[in-house]
C-alpha atoms as a PDB file:
ATOM      1  CA  MET A   1     -21.574 -33.479  37.037  1.00  0.00           C
ATOM      2  CA  TYR A   2     -18.547 -31.138  37.763  1.00  0.00           C
ATOM      3  CA  THR A   3     -15.017 -32.134  36.717  1.00  0.00           C
ATOM      4  CA  ASP A   4     -11.524 -30.619  36.817  1.00  0.00           C
ATOM      5  CA  PRO A   5     -10.666 -29.555  33.237  1.00  0.00           C
ATOM      6  CA  ASN A   6      -7.105 -30.984  33.699  1.00  0.00           C
ATOM      7  CA  ALA A   7      -8.516 -34.539  34.625  1.00  0.00           C
ATOM      8  CA  THR A   8     -11.452 -34.695  32.010  1.00  0.00           C
ATOM      9  CA  ILE A   9     -10.430 -37.023  29.134  1.00  0.00           C
ATOM     10  CA  ALA A  10     -13.656 -37.620  27.131  1.00  0.00           C
ATOM     11  CA  TRP A  11     -17.480 -37.470  27.288  1.00  0.00           C
ATOM     12  CA  SER A  12     -20.407 -38.785  25.374  1.00  0.00           C
ATOM     13  CA  GLY A  13     -21.563 -36.929  22.241  1.00  0.00           C
ATOM     14  CA  ASN A  14     -24.958 -35.794  24.013  1.00  0.00           C
ATOM     15  CA  LEU A  15     -23.229 -33.809  26.694  1.00  0.00           C
ATOM     16  CA  MET A  16     -22.193 -30.272  26.120  1.00  0.00           C
ATOM     17  CA  PRO A  17     -19.690 -29.060  28.653  1.00  0.00           C
ATOM     18  CA  LYS A  18     -19.724 -25.621  30.254  1.00  0.00           C
ATOM     19  CA  PHE A  19     -17.084 -23.989  32.268  1.00  0.00           C
ATOM     20  CA  ARG A  20     -17.826 -22.688  35.761  1.00  0.00           C
ATOM     21  CA  THR A  21     -15.541 -20.216  37.531  1.00  0.00           C
ATOM     22  CA  ASP A  22     -15.678 -19.840  41.310  1.00  0.00           C
ATOM     23  CA  VAL A  23     -13.480 -16.976  42.153  1.00  0.00           C
ATOM     24  CA  SER A  24     -13.354 -15.366  45.520  1.00  0.00           C
ATOM     25  CA  LEU A  25     -11.142 -13.708  48.053  1.00  0.00           C
ATOM     26  CA  LYS A  26     -10.039 -17.150  49.492  1.00  0.00           C
ATOM     27  CA  THR A  27      -9.142 -18.106  46.003  1.00  0.00           C
ATOM     28  CA  PHE A  28      -6.561 -15.231  45.955  1.00  0.00           C
ATOM     29  CA  LEU A  29      -5.377 -16.039  49.323  1.00  0.00           C
ATOM     30  CA  GLY A  30      -4.602 -19.562  48.630  1.00  0.00           C
ATOM     31  CA  ARG A  31      -7.293 -20.927  51.019  1.00  0.00           C
ATOM     32  CA  GLY A  32      -9.973 -21.906  48.451  1.00  0.00           C
ATOM     33  CA  SER A  33     -11.521 -25.412  49.282  1.00  0.00           C
ATOM     34  CA  GLY A  34     -11.974 -26.523  45.478  1.00  0.00           C
ATOM     35  CA  GLU A  35     -11.118 -26.028  42.024  1.00  0.00           C
ATOM     36  CA  SER A  36     -11.662 -22.253  40.798  1.00  0.00           C
ATOM     37  CA  LEU A  37     -12.377 -23.631  37.120  1.00  0.00           C
ATOM     38  CA  GLN A  38     -14.788 -26.527  36.638  1.00  0.00           C
ATOM     39  CA  MET A  39     -16.382 -28.270  33.592  1.00  0.00           C
ATOM     40  CA  VAL A  40     -20.191 -28.737  34.158  1.00  0.00           C
ATOM     41  CA  PHE A  41     -21.969 -31.492  32.261  1.00  0.00           C
ATOM     42  CA  ASN A  42     -25.879 -31.783  32.398  1.00  0.00           C
ATOM     43  CA  GLY A  43     -27.888 -34.543  30.914  1.00  0.00           C
ATOM     44  CA  ASP A  44     -27.521 -38.329  30.163  1.00  0.00           C
ATOM     45  CA  GLY A  45     -24.236 -39.589  29.277  1.00  0.00           C
ATOM     46  CA  PHE A  46     -20.828 -40.414  30.647  1.00  0.00           C
ATOM     47  CA  VAL A  47     -17.710 -38.530  31.542  1.00  0.00           C
ATOM     48  CA  VAL A  48     -14.214 -40.118  31.501  1.00  0.00           C
ATOM     49  CA  VAL A  49     -11.733 -38.556  34.077  1.00  0.00           C
ATOM     50  CA  GLN A  50      -8.366 -39.624  35.142  1.00  0.00           C
ATOM     51  CA  PRO A  51      -6.606 -38.574  38.488  1.00  0.00           C
ATOM     52  CA  TYR A  52      -4.544 -35.452  38.018  1.00  0.00           C
ATOM     53  CA  GLU A  53      -2.197 -33.478  40.364  1.00  0.00           C
ATOM     54  CA  GLU A  54       0.213 -30.910  39.638  1.00  0.00           C
ATOM     55  CA  VAL A  55       3.849 -31.849  40.343  1.00  0.00           C
ATOM     56  CA  TYR A  56       6.254 -29.145  41.110  1.00  0.00           C
ATOM     57  CA  LEU A  57       9.964 -30.014  40.482  1.00  0.00           C
ATOM     58  CA  GLN A  58      12.432 -28.729  43.099  1.00  0.00           C
ATOM     59  CA  ASN A  59      15.967 -28.126  42.250  1.00  0.00           C
ATOM     60  CA  ASP A  60      18.258 -28.588  45.354  1.00  0.00           C
ATOM     61  CA  GLN A  61      21.449 -27.332  43.825  1.00  0.00           C
END
């Protein structure tokens, strides 16, 4: 299972997370189709995630 580190809340004790990076030219140009950093879980267990979106505040003044 692959998850976004910002959305990953918890996982069962028998899972050991690893980090995976996917950096390419598209990532630097802002045209990547996914997360460039992901958590990878292998084995039996569960992972708890919650929706996460970055919010950019705009000052109109």
